[in-house]
């Protein structure tokens, strides 16, 4: 059953940053995330699920990078990020697209 594993994974999945002197992944334009705390929490569920489909249900930290700066006007901006999840002695890249809709925002894992 994946639901219990996913619940455990979510409690362990924490957003962290790489050391400032470590190189950024190819395509990254900025370290960190542009998402607020609520959007991060919502997105973690999909990220944990995606990594589980890649064969890892024992997740660790995640490093976040902006790969496309926001475009559009406030309330309808779009941007892209790369979240690199550590787990199972491996690193799993997860590409995410964010889109604002008024005061809310949605995410899509590519």
PDB file of N, CA and C in Angstrom:
ATOM      1  N   UNK A   1       0.837  -1.171   0.000  1.00  0.00           N
ATOM      2  CA  UNK A   1       0.000   0.000   0.000  1.00  0.00           C
ATOM      3  C   UNK A   1       0.881   1.234   0.000  1.00  0.00           C
ATOM      4  N   UNK A   2       0.648   2.124  -0.900  1.00  0.00           N
ATOM      5  CA  UNK A   2       1.503   3.299  -1.038  1.00  0.00           C
ATOM      6  C   UNK A   2       1.129   4.441  -0.108  1.00  0.00           C
ATOM      7  N   UNK A   3      -0.077   4.519   0.309  1.00  0.00           N
ATOM      8  CA  UNK A   3      -0.497   5.656   1.134  1.00  0.00           C
ATOM      9  C   UNK A   3       0.311   5.746   2.424  1.00  0.00           C
ATOM     10  N   UNK A   4       0.496   4.662   3.200  1.00  0.00           N
ATOM     11  CA  UNK A   4       1.304   4.805   4.407  1.00  0.00           C
ATOM     12  C   UNK A   4       2.732   5.232   4.095  1.00  0.00           C
ATOM     13  N   UNK A   5       3.346   4.665   3.043  1.00  0.00           N
ATOM     14  CA  UNK A   5       4.692   5.055   2.682  1.00  0.00           C
ATOM     15  C   UNK A   5       4.745   6.530   2.311  1.00  0.00           C
ATOM     16  N   UNK A   6       3.742   6.976   1.577  1.00  0.00           N
ATOM     17  CA  UNK A   6       3.687   8.366   1.156  1.00  0.00           C
ATOM     18  C   UNK A   6       3.550   9.275   2.365  1.00  0.00           C
ATOM     19  N   UNK A   7       2.749   8.877   3.342  1.00  0.00           N
ATOM     20  CA  UNK A   7       2.600   9.675   4.561  1.00  0.00           C
ATOM     21  C   UNK A   7       3.915   9.776   5.298  1.00  0.00           C
ATOM     22  N   UNK A   8       4.645   8.688   5.378  1.00  0.00           N
ATOM     23  CA  UNK A   8       5.953   8.707   6.030  1.00  0.00           C
ATOM     24  C   UNK A   8       6.908   9.579   5.238  1.00  0.00           C
ATOM     25  N   UNK A   9       6.873   9.456   3.935  1.00  0.00           N
ATOM     26  CA  UNK A   9       7.769  10.250   3.098  1.00  0.00           C
ATOM     27  C   UNK A   9       7.531  11.732   3.294  1.00  0.00           C
ATOM     28  N   UNK A  10       6.284  12.128   3.414  1.00  0.00           N
ATOM     29  CA  UNK A  10       5.976  13.546   3.563  1.00  0.00           C
ATOM     30  C   UNK A  10       6.501  14.110   4.862  1.00  0.00           C
ATOM     31  N   UNK A  11       6.528  13.313   5.908  1.00  0.00           N
ATOM     32  CA  UNK A  11       7.040  13.819   7.170  1.00  0.00           C
ATOM     33  C   UNK A  11       8.553  13.964   7.128  1.00  0.00           C
ATOM     34  N   UNK A  12       9.198  13.229   6.244  1.00  0.00           N
ATOM     35  CA  UNK A  12      10.655  13.272   6.150  1.00  0.00           C
ATOM     36  C   UNK A  12      11.153  14.244   5.086  1.00  0.00           C
ATOM     37  N   UNK A  13      10.324  14.606   4.155  1.00  0.00           N
ATOM     38  CA  UNK A  13      10.731  15.459   3.044  1.00  0.00           C
ATOM     39  C   UNK A  13      10.810  16.902   3.515  1.00  0.00           C
ATOM     40  N   UNK A  14      12.021  17.414   3.603  1.00  0.00           N
ATOM     41  CA  UNK A  14      12.211  18.789   4.063  1.00  0.00           C
ATOM     42  C   UNK A  14      12.949  19.581   3.002  1.00  0.00           C
ATOM     43  N   UNK A  15      12.542  20.817   2.838  1.00  0.00           N
ATOM     44  CA  UNK A  15      13.191  21.687   1.872  1.00  0.00           C
ATOM     45  C   UNK A  15      14.448  22.245   2.513  1.00  0.00           C
ATOM     46  N   UNK A  16      15.557  22.094   1.824  1.00  0.00           N
ATOM     47  CA  UNK A  16      16.820  22.618   2.324  1.00  0.00           C
ATOM     48  C   UNK A  16      17.574  23.248   1.171  1.00  0.00           C
ATOM     49  N   UNK A  17      18.656  23.861   1.485  1.00  0.00           N
ATOM     50  CA  UNK A  17      19.468  24.503   0.451  1.00  0.00           C
ATOM     51  C   UNK A  17      20.840  23.845   0.412  1.00  0.00           C
ATOM     52  N   UNK A  18      21.428  23.814  -0.765  1.00  0.00           N
ATOM     53  CA  UNK A  18      22.798  23.334  -0.901  1.00  0.00           C
ATOM     54  C   UNK A  18      23.736  24.409  -0.386  1.00  0.00           C
ATOM     55  N   UNK A  19      24.942  24.021  -0.109  1.00  0.00           N
ATOM     56  CA  UNK A  19      25.948  25.001   0.307  1.00  0.00           C
ATOM     57  C   UNK A  19      26.159  26.009  -0.813  1.00  0.00           C
ATOM     58  N   UNK A  20      26.404  27.241  -0.445  1.00  0.00           N
ATOM     59  CA  UNK A  20      26.516  28.325  -1.418  1.00  0.00           C
ATOM     60  C   UNK A  20      27.627  28.092  -2.443  1.00  0.00           C
ATOM     61  N   UNK A  21      28.653  27.335  -2.076  1.00  0.00           N
ATOM     62  CA  UNK A  21      29.764  27.132  -2.999  1.00  0.00           C
ATOM     63  C   UNK A  21      29.555  25.934  -3.933  1.00  0.00           C
ATOM     64  N   UNK A  22      28.475  25.176  -3.754  1.00  0.00           N
ATOM     65  CA  UNK A  22      28.204  24.055  -4.646  1.00  0.00           C
ATOM     66  C   UNK A  22      27.610  24.574  -5.950  1.00  0.00           C
ATOM     67  N   UNK A  23      28.002  23.966  -7.060  1.00  0.00           N
ATOM     68  CA  UNK A  23      27.449  24.426  -8.345  1.00  0.00           C
ATOM     69  C   UNK A  23      25.964  24.122  -8.451  1.00  0.00           C
ATOM     70  N   UNK A  24      25.253  24.992  -9.161  1.00  0.00           N
ATOM     71  CA  UNK A  24      23.830  24.766  -9.394  1.00  0.00           C
ATOM     72  C   UNK A  24      23.668  23.777 -10.548  1.00  0.00           C
ATOM     73  N   UNK A  25      22.562  23.051 -10.579  1.00  0.00           N
ATOM     74  CA  UNK A  25      22.307  22.141 -11.702  1.00  0.00           C
ATOM     75  C   UNK A  25      22.167  22.914 -13.011  1.00  0.00           C
ATOM     76  N   UNK A  26      22.397  22.238 -14.100  1.00  0.00           N
ATOM     77  CA  UNK A  26      22.242  22.835 -15.420  1.00  0.00           C
ATOM     78  C   UNK A  26      20.815  23.367 -15.574  1.00  0.00           C
ATOM     79  N   UNK A  27      20.702  24.594 -16.060  1.00  0.00           N
ATOM     80  CA  UNK A  27      19.409  25.207 -16.287  1.00  0.00           C
ATOM     81  C   UNK A  27      18.890  26.035 -15.128  1.00  0.00           C
ATOM     82  N   UNK A  28      19.496  25.912 -13.944  1.00  0.00           N
ATOM     83  CA  UNK A  28      19.043  26.684 -12.786  1.00  0.00           C
ATOM     84  C   UNK A  28      19.513  28.132 -12.914  1.00  0.00           C
ATOM     85  N   UNK A  29      18.634  29.072 -12.556  1.00  0.00           N
ATOM     86  CA  UNK A  29      18.980  30.489 -12.610  1.00  0.00           C
ATOM     87  C   UNK A  29      19.063  31.101 -11.214  1.00  0.00           C
ATOM     88  N   UNK A  30      18.555  30.369 -10.209  1.00  0.00           N
ATOM     89  CA  UNK A  30      18.546  30.896  -8.857  1.00  0.00           C
ATOM     90  C   UNK A  30      18.352  29.742  -7.875  1.00  0.00           C
ATOM     91  N   UNK A  31      19.019  29.822  -6.741  1.00  0.00           N
ATOM     92  CA  UNK A  31      18.809  28.831  -5.681  1.00  0.00           C
ATOM     93  C   UNK A  31      17.517  29.146  -4.933  1.00  0.00           C
ATOM     94  N   UNK A  32      16.867  28.119  -4.413  1.00  0.00           N
ATOM     95  CA  UNK A  32      15.677  28.303  -3.600  1.00  0.00           C
ATOM     96  C   UNK A  32      14.402  28.144  -4.404  1.00  0.00           C
ATOM     97  N   UNK A  33      13.300  28.496  -3.771  1.00  0.00           N
ATOM     98  CA  UNK A  33      11.988  28.390  -4.389  1.00  0.00           C
ATOM     99  C   UNK A  33      11.269  29.726  -4.294  1.00  0.00           C
ATOM    100  N   UNK A  34      10.381  29.979  -5.213  1.00  0.00           N
ATOM    101  CA  UNK A  34       9.553  31.182  -5.170  1.00  0.00           C
ATOM    102  C   UNK A  34       8.202  30.895  -4.514  1.00  0.00           C
ATOM    103  N   UNK A  35       7.958  29.645  -4.176  1.00  0.00           N
ATOM    104  CA  UNK A  35       6.691  29.237  -3.564  1.00  0.00           C
ATOM    105  C   UNK A  35       6.644  29.661  -2.097  1.00  0.00           C
ATOM    106  N   UNK A  36       5.440  30.003  -1.628  1.00  0.00           N
ATOM    107  CA  UNK A  36       5.278  30.300  -0.206  1.00  0.00           C
ATOM    108  C   UNK A  36       5.136  28.985   0.570  1.00  0.00           C
ATOM    109  N   UNK A  37       5.067  29.070   1.889  1.00  0.00           N
ATOM    110  CA  UNK A  37       5.046  27.866   2.724  1.00  0.00           C
ATOM    111  C   UNK A  37       3.866  26.954   2.398  1.00  0.00           C
ATOM    112  N   UNK A  38       2.688  27.512   2.152  1.00  0.00           N
ATOM    113  CA  UNK A  38       1.521  26.685   1.845  1.00  0.00           C
ATOM    114  C   UNK A  38       1.691  25.975   0.504  1.00  0.00           C
ATOM    115  N   UNK A  39       2.213  26.678  -0.492  1.00  0.00           N
ATOM    116  CA  UNK A  39       2.425  26.070  -1.806  1.00  0.00           C
ATOM    117  C   UNK A  39       3.496  24.988  -1.727  1.00  0.00           C
ATOM    118  N   UNK A  40       4.533  25.220  -0.939  1.00  0.00           N
ATOM    119  CA  UNK A  40       5.562  24.199  -0.735  1.00  0.00           C
ATOM    120  C   UNK A  40       4.938  22.943  -0.134  1.00  0.00           C
ATOM    121  N   UNK A  41       4.135  23.120   0.909  1.00  0.00           N
ATOM    122  CA  UNK A  41       3.497  21.978   1.566  1.00  0.00           C
ATOM    123  C   UNK A  41       2.600  21.216   0.591  1.00  0.00           C
ATOM    124  N   UNK A  42       1.843  21.922  -0.210  1.00  0.00           N
ATOM    125  CA  UNK A  42       0.959  21.279  -1.188  1.00  0.00           C
ATOM    126  C   UNK A  42       1.759  20.527  -2.254  1.00  0.00           C
ATOM    127  N   UNK A  43       2.849  21.135  -2.704  1.00  0.00           N
ATOM    128  CA  UNK A  43       3.656  20.558  -3.773  1.00  0.00           C
ATOM    129  C   UNK A  43       4.413  19.322  -3.301  1.00  0.00           C
ATOM    130  N   UNK A  44       4.781  19.266  -2.025  1.00  0.00           N
ATOM    131  CA  UNK A  44       5.520  18.124  -1.488  1.00  0.00           C
ATOM    132  C   UNK A  44       4.793  16.802  -1.717  1.00  0.00           C
ATOM    133  N   UNK A  45       3.483  16.823  -1.651  1.00  0.00           N
ATOM    134  CA  UNK A  45       2.705  15.602  -1.867  1.00  0.00           C
ATOM    135  C   UNK A  45       2.963  15.036  -3.261  1.00  0.00           C
ATOM    136  N   UNK A  46       2.894  15.891  -4.270  1.00  0.00           N
ATOM    137  CA  UNK A  46       3.153  15.452  -5.633  1.00  0.00           C
ATOM    138  C   UNK A  46       4.596  15.054  -5.853  1.00  0.00           C
ATOM    139  N   UNK A  47       5.512  15.764  -5.230  1.00  0.00           N
ATOM    140  CA  UNK A  47       6.941  15.448  -5.368  1.00  0.00           C
ATOM    141  C   UNK A  47       7.219  14.077  -4.760  1.00  0.00           C
ATOM    142  N   UNK A  48       6.688  13.810  -3.574  1.00  0.00           N
ATOM    143  CA  UNK A  48       6.894  12.511  -2.932  1.00  0.00           C
ATOM    144  C   UNK A  48       6.302  11.387  -3.783  1.00  0.00           C
ATOM    145  N   UNK A  49       5.139  11.637  -4.358  1.00  0.00           N
ATOM    146  CA  UNK A  49       4.508  10.639  -5.217  1.00  0.00           C
ATOM    147  C   UNK A  49       5.342  10.379  -6.465  1.00  0.00           C
ATOM    148  N   UNK A  50       5.867  11.434  -7.074  1.00  0.00           N
ATOM    149  CA  UNK A  50       6.695  11.301  -8.279  1.00  0.00           C
ATOM    150  C   UNK A  50       7.952  10.492  -7.986  1.00  0.00           C
ATOM    151  N   UNK A  51       8.612  10.804  -6.879  1.00  0.00           N
ATOM    152  CA  UNK A  51       9.839  10.082  -6.525  1.00  0.00           C
ATOM    153  C   UNK A  51       9.517   8.616  -6.222  1.00  0.00           C
ATOM    154  N   UNK A  52       8.370   8.350  -5.621  1.00  0.00           N
ATOM    155  CA  UNK A  52       7.963   6.962  -5.368  1.00  0.00           C
ATOM    156  C   UNK A  52       7.814   6.192  -6.675  1.00  0.00           C
ATOM    157  N   UNK A  53       7.302   6.860  -7.726  1.00  0.00           N
ATOM    158  CA  UNK A  53       7.171   6.180  -9.022  1.00  0.00           C
ATOM    159  C   UNK A  53       8.529   5.923  -9.657  1.00  0.00           C
ATOM    160  N   UNK A  54       9.565   6.649  -9.205  1.00  0.00           N
ATOM    161  CA  UNK A  54      10.921   6.433  -9.698  1.00  0.00           C
ATOM    162  C   UNK A  54      11.641   5.366  -8.878  1.00  0.00           C
ATOM    163  N   UNK A  55      10.937   4.777  -7.901  1.00  0.00           N
ATOM    164  CA  UNK A  55      11.486   3.650  -7.173  1.00  0.00           C
ATOM    165  C   UNK A  55      11.997   3.937  -5.773  1.00  0.00           C
ATOM    166  N   UNK A  56      11.737   5.102  -5.221  1.00  0.00           N
ATOM    167  CA  UNK A  56      12.231   5.412  -3.881  1.00  0.00           C
ATOM    168  C   UNK A  56      11.086   5.891  -2.999  1.00  0.00           C
ATOM    169  N   UNK A  57      10.921   5.223  -1.870  1.00  0.00           N
ATOM    170  CA  UNK A  57       9.892   5.639  -0.926  1.00  0.00           C
ATOM    171  C   UNK A  57      10.506   6.060   0.404  1.00  0.00           C
ATOM    172  N   UNK A  58      11.813   6.155   0.444  1.00  0.00           N
ATOM    173  CA  UNK A  58      12.520   6.593   1.642  1.00  0.00           C
ATOM    174  C   UNK A  58      13.188   7.923   1.308  1.00  0.00           C
ATOM    175  N   UNK A  59      12.446   9.016   1.487  1.00  0.00           N
ATOM    176  CA  UNK A  59      12.898  10.316   1.029  1.00  0.00           C
ATOM    177  C   UNK A  59      13.620  11.095   2.119  1.00  0.00           C
ATOM    178  N   UNK A  60      14.544  11.927   1.663  1.00  0.00           N
ATOM    179  CA  UNK A  60      15.286  12.794   2.567  1.00  0.00           C
ATOM    180  C   UNK A  60      15.034  14.247   2.235  1.00  0.00           C
ATOM    181  N   UNK A  61      16.101  15.013   2.180  1.00  0.00           N
ATOM    182  CA  UNK A  61      16.004  16.449   1.913  1.00  0.00           C
ATOM    183  C   UNK A  61      15.734  16.730   0.442  1.00  0.00           C
ATOM    184  N   UNK A  62      15.295  17.947   0.183  1.00  0.00           N
ATOM    185  CA  UNK A  62      15.101  18.401  -1.195  1.00  0.00           C
ATOM    186  C   UNK A  62      15.752  19.770  -1.333  1.00  0.00           C
ATOM    187  N   UNK A  63      16.530  19.924  -2.378  1.00  0.00           N
ATOM    188  CA  UNK A  63      17.130  21.218  -2.712  1.00  0.00           C
ATOM    189  C   UNK A  63      16.310  21.805  -3.853  1.00  0.00           C
ATOM    190  N   UNK A  64      16.000  23.084  -3.763  1.00  0.00           N
ATOM    191  CA  UNK A  64      15.133  23.720  -4.752  1.00  0.00           C
ATOM    192  C   UNK A  64      15.890  24.762  -5.552  1.00  0.00           C
ATOM    193  N   UNK A  65      15.541  24.835  -6.835  1.00  0.00           N
ATOM    194  CA  UNK A  65      16.165  25.781  -7.756  1.00  0.00           C
ATOM    195  C   UNK A  65      15.106  26.338  -8.697  1.00  0.00           C
ATOM    196  N   UNK A  66      15.181  27.612  -8.984  1.00  0.00           N
ATOM    197  CA  UNK A  66      14.321  28.231  -9.983  1.00  0.00           C
ATOM    198  C   UNK A  66      14.988  28.022 -11.335  1.00  0.00           C
ATOM    199  N   UNK A  67      14.240  27.492 -12.305  1.00  0.00           N
ATOM    200  CA  UNK A  67      14.793  27.275 -13.646  1.00  0.00           C
ATOM    201  C   UNK A  67      14.221  28.247 -14.671  1.00  0.00           C
ATOM    202  N   UNK A  68      13.109  28.897 -14.340  1.00  0.00           N
ATOM    203  CA  UNK A  68      12.544  29.949 -15.198  1.00  0.00           C
ATOM    204  C   UNK A  68      11.926  30.988 -14.275  1.00  0.00           C
ATOM    205  N   UNK A  69      12.400  32.211 -14.381  1.00  0.00           N
ATOM    206  CA  UNK A  69      11.862  33.295 -13.570  1.00  0.00           C
ATOM    207  C   UNK A  69      10.411  33.569 -13.960  1.00  0.00           C
ATOM    208  N   UNK A  70       9.633  34.153 -13.045  1.00  0.00           N
ATOM    209  CA  UNK A  70       8.212  34.396 -13.338  1.00  0.00           C
ATOM    210  C   UNK A  70       8.003  35.278 -14.559  1.00  0.00           C
ATOM    211  N   UNK A  71       6.994  34.918 -15.326  1.00  0.00           N
ATOM    212  CA  UNK A  71       6.537  35.734 -16.447  1.00  0.00           C
ATOM    213  C   UNK A  71       5.065  36.044 -16.204  1.00  0.00           C
ATOM    214  N   UNK A  72       4.572  37.122 -16.786  1.00  0.00           N
ATOM    215  CA  UNK A  72       3.177  37.501 -16.624  1.00  0.00           C
ATOM    216  C   UNK A  72       3.006  38.529 -15.528  1.00  0.00           C
ATOM    217  N   UNK A  73       1.780  38.930 -15.322  1.00  0.00           N
ATOM    218  CA  UNK A  73       1.478  39.948 -14.321  1.00  0.00           C
ATOM    219  C   UNK A  73       1.059  39.274 -13.011  1.00  0.00           C
ATOM    220  N   UNK A  74       1.180  39.985 -11.875  1.00  0.00           N
ATOM    221  CA  UNK A  74       0.780  39.412 -10.586  1.00  0.00           C
ATOM    222  C   UNK A  74      -0.634  38.838 -10.645  1.00  0.00           C
ATOM    223  N   UNK A  75      -0.766  37.642 -10.112  1.00  0.00           N
ATOM    224  CA  UNK A  75      -2.048  36.941 -10.150  1.00  0.00           C
ATOM    225  C   UNK A  75      -2.173  35.977 -11.313  1.00  0.00           C
ATOM    226  N   UNK A  76      -1.271  36.107 -12.289  1.00  0.00           N
ATOM    227  CA  UNK A  76      -1.280  35.177 -13.427  1.00  0.00           C
ATOM    228  C   UNK A  76       0.141  34.816 -13.850  1.00  0.00           C
ATOM    229  N   UNK A  77       1.072  34.934 -12.911  1.00  0.00           N
ATOM    230  CA  UNK A  77       2.470  34.601 -13.231  1.00  0.00           C
ATOM    231  C   UNK A  77       2.676  33.098 -13.343  1.00  0.00           C
ATOM    232  N   UNK A  78       3.694  32.742 -14.121  1.00  0.00           N
ATOM    233  CA  UNK A  78       4.102  31.350 -14.303  1.00  0.00           C
ATOM    234  C   UNK A  78       5.611  31.279 -14.128  1.00  0.00           C
ATOM    235  N   UNK A  79       6.086  30.202 -13.508  1.00  0.00           N
ATOM    236  CA  UNK A  79       7.525  29.985 -13.384  1.00  0.00           C
ATOM    237  C   UNK A  79       7.791  28.490 -13.242  1.00  0.00           C
ATOM    238  N   UNK A  80       9.065  28.117 -13.369  1.00  0.00           N
ATOM    239  CA  UNK A  80       9.457  26.712 -13.295  1.00  0.00           C
ATOM    240  C   UNK A  80      10.555  26.543 -12.256  1.00  0.00           C
ATOM    241  N   UNK A  81      10.522  25.380 -11.621  1.00  0.00           N
ATOM    242  CA  UNK A  81      11.545  25.045 -10.630  1.00  0.00           C
ATOM    243  C   UNK A  81      11.984  23.605 -10.795  1.00  0.00           C
ATOM    244  N   UNK A  82      13.171  23.329 -10.288  1.00  0.00           N
ATOM    245  CA  UNK A  82      13.713  21.976 -10.201  1.00  0.00           C
ATOM    246  C   UNK A  82      13.890  21.671  -8.726  1.00  0.00           C
ATOM    247  N   UNK A  83      13.263  20.615  -8.266  1.00  0.00           N
ATOM    248  CA  UNK A  83      13.454  20.153  -6.890  1.00  0.00           C
ATOM    249  C   UNK A  83      14.246  18.855  -6.978  1.00  0.00           C
ATOM    250  N   UNK A  84      15.389  18.805  -6.324  1.00  0.00           N
ATOM    251  CA  UNK A  84      16.242  17.626  -6.331  1.00  0.00           C
ATOM    252  C   UNK A  84      16.085  16.936  -4.978  1.00  0.00           C
ATOM    253  N   UNK A  85      15.473  15.752  -5.007  1.00  0.00           N
ATOM    254  CA  UNK A  85      15.154  15.015  -3.787  1.00  0.00           C
ATOM    255  C   UNK A  85      16.221  13.958  -3.537  1.00  0.00           C
ATOM    256  N   UNK A  86      16.730  13.922  -2.313  1.00  0.00           N
ATOM    257  CA  UNK A  86      17.676  12.886  -1.905  1.00  0.00           C
ATOM    258  C   UNK A  86      16.894  11.742  -1.278  1.00  0.00           C
ATOM    259  N   UNK A  87      17.310  10.520  -1.590  1.00  0.00           N
ATOM    260  CA  UNK A  87      16.683   9.342  -1.003  1.00  0.00           C
ATOM    261  C   UNK A  87      17.197   8.085  -1.648  1.00  0.00           C
ATOM    262  N   UNK A  88      17.199   7.005  -0.893  1.00  0.00           N
ATOM    263  CA  UNK A  88      17.610   5.698  -1.410  1.00  0.00           C
ATOM    264  C   UNK A  88      18.998   5.774  -2.049  1.00  0.00           C
ATOM    265  N   UNK A  89      19.903   6.537  -1.443  1.00  0.00           N
ATOM    266  CA  UNK A  89      21.277   6.703  -1.942  1.00  0.00           C
ATOM    267  C   UNK A  89      21.319   7.238  -3.369  1.00  0.00           C
ATOM    268  N   UNK A  90      20.394   8.106  -3.694  1.00  0.00           N
ATOM    269  CA  UNK A  90      20.294   8.649  -5.041  1.00  0.00           C
ATOM    270  C   UNK A  90      19.717  10.061  -4.945  1.00  0.00           C
ATOM    271  N   UNK A  91      19.812  10.818  -6.030  1.00  0.00           N
ATOM    272  CA  UNK A  91      19.156  12.116  -6.123  1.00  0.00           C
ATOM    273  C   UNK A  91      18.171  12.063  -7.278  1.00  0.00           C
ATOM    274  N   UNK A  92      16.950  12.516  -7.024  1.00  0.00           N
ATOM    275  CA  UNK A  92      15.872  12.454  -7.998  1.00  0.00           C
ATOM    276  C   UNK A  92      15.459  13.867  -8.399  1.00  0.00           C
ATOM    277  N   UNK A  93      15.675  14.253  -9.658  1.00  0.00           N
ATOM    278  CA  UNK A  93      15.243  15.582 -10.112  1.00  0.00           C
ATOM    279  C   UNK A  93      13.751  15.580 -10.446  1.00  0.00           C
ATOM    280  N   UNK A  94      13.046  16.583  -9.950  1.00  0.00           N
ATOM    281  CA  UNK A  94      11.611  16.720 -10.221  1.00  0.00           C
ATOM    282  C   UNK A  94      11.391  18.123 -10.774  1.00  0.00           C
ATOM    283  N   UNK A  95      10.932  18.200 -12.016  1.00  0.00           N
ATOM    284  CA  UNK A  95      10.655  19.486 -12.662  1.00  0.00           C
ATOM    285  C   UNK A  95       9.204  19.872 -12.413  1.00  0.00           C
ATOM    286  N   UNK A  96       9.008  21.102 -11.937  1.00  0.00           N
ATOM    287  CA  UNK A  96       7.678  21.567 -11.552  1.00  0.00           C
ATOM    288  C   UNK A  96       7.382  22.892 -12.237  1.00  0.00           C
ATOM    289  N   UNK A  97       6.162  23.030 -12.736  1.00  0.00           N
ATOM    290  CA  UNK A  97       5.688  24.297 -13.289  1.00  0.00           C
ATOM    291  C   UNK A  97       4.652  24.853 -12.326  1.00  0.00           C
ATOM    292  N   UNK A  98       4.790  26.122 -11.983  1.00  0.00           N
ATOM    293  CA  UNK A  98       3.846  26.799 -11.100  1.00  0.00           C
ATOM    294  C   UNK A  98       3.077  27.837 -11.903  1.00  0.00           C
ATOM    295  N   UNK A  99       1.809  28.021 -11.559  1.00  0.00           N
ATOM    296  CA  UNK A  99       0.970  29.011 -12.238  1.00  0.00           C
ATOM    297  C   UNK A  99       0.024  29.648 -11.222  1.00  0.00           C
ATOM    298  N   UNK A 100       0.087  30.971 -11.140  1.00  0.00           N
ATOM    299  CA  UNK A 100      -0.827  31.690 -10.261  1.00  0.00           C
ATOM    300  C   UNK A 100      -2.197  31.792 -10.909  1.00  0.00           C
ATOM    301  N   UNK A 101      -3.201  31.775 -10.062  1.00  0.00           N
ATOM    302  CA  UNK A 101      -4.574  31.985 -10.499  1.00  0.00           C
ATOM    303  C   UNK A 101      -5.217  32.876  -9.441  1.00  0.00           C
ATOM    304  N   UNK A 102      -5.113  34.171  -9.647  1.00  0.00           N
ATOM    305  CA  UNK A 102      -5.563  35.109  -8.625  1.00  0.00           C
ATOM    306  C   UNK A 102      -4.634  35.047  -7.432  1.00  0.00           C
ATOM    307  N   UNK A 103      -5.185  34.777  -6.253  1.00  0.00           N
ATOM    308  CA  UNK A 103      -4.371  34.684  -5.036  1.00  0.00           C
ATOM    309  C   UNK A 103      -3.858  33.270  -4.789  1.00  0.00           C
ATOM    310  N   UNK A 104      -4.310  32.315  -5.583  1.00  0.00           N
ATOM    311  CA  UNK A 104      -3.881  30.929  -5.445  1.00  0.00           C
ATOM    312  C   UNK A 104      -2.839  30.595  -6.497  1.00  0.00           C
ATOM    313  N   UNK A 105      -2.222  29.447  -6.352  1.00  0.00           N
ATOM    314  CA  UNK A 105      -1.273  28.961  -7.359  1.00  0.00           C
ATOM    315  C   UNK A 105      -1.421  27.445  -7.463  1.00  0.00           C
ATOM    316  N   UNK A 106      -1.216  26.946  -8.653  1.00  0.00           N
ATOM    317  CA  UNK A 106      -1.258  25.517  -8.929  1.00  0.00           C
ATOM    318  C   UNK A 106       0.121  25.065  -9.353  1.00  0.00           C
ATOM    319  N   UNK A 107       0.373  23.774  -9.258  1.00  0.00           N
ATOM    320  CA  UNK A 107       1.641  23.217  -9.691  1.00  0.00           C
ATOM    321  C   UNK A 107       1.371  21.988 -10.561  1.00  0.00           C
ATOM    322  N   UNK A 108       2.296  21.752 -11.468  1.00  0.00           N
ATOM    323  CA  UNK A 108       2.238  20.589 -12.341  1.00  0.00           C
ATOM    324  C   UNK A 108       3.637  19.993 -12.414  1.00  0.00           C
ATOM    325  N   UNK A 109       3.741  18.710 -12.192  1.00  0.00           N
ATOM    326  CA  UNK A 109       5.021  18.024 -12.325  1.00  0.00           C
ATOM    327  C   UNK A 109       5.146  17.544 -13.747  1.00  0.00           C
ATOM    328  N   UNK A 110       6.264  17.933 -14.394  1.00  0.00           N
ATOM    329  CA  UNK A 110       6.482  17.531 -15.783  1.00  0.00           C
ATOM    330  C   UNK A 110       7.194  16.211 -15.853  1.00  0.00           C
TER     331      UNK A 110
END
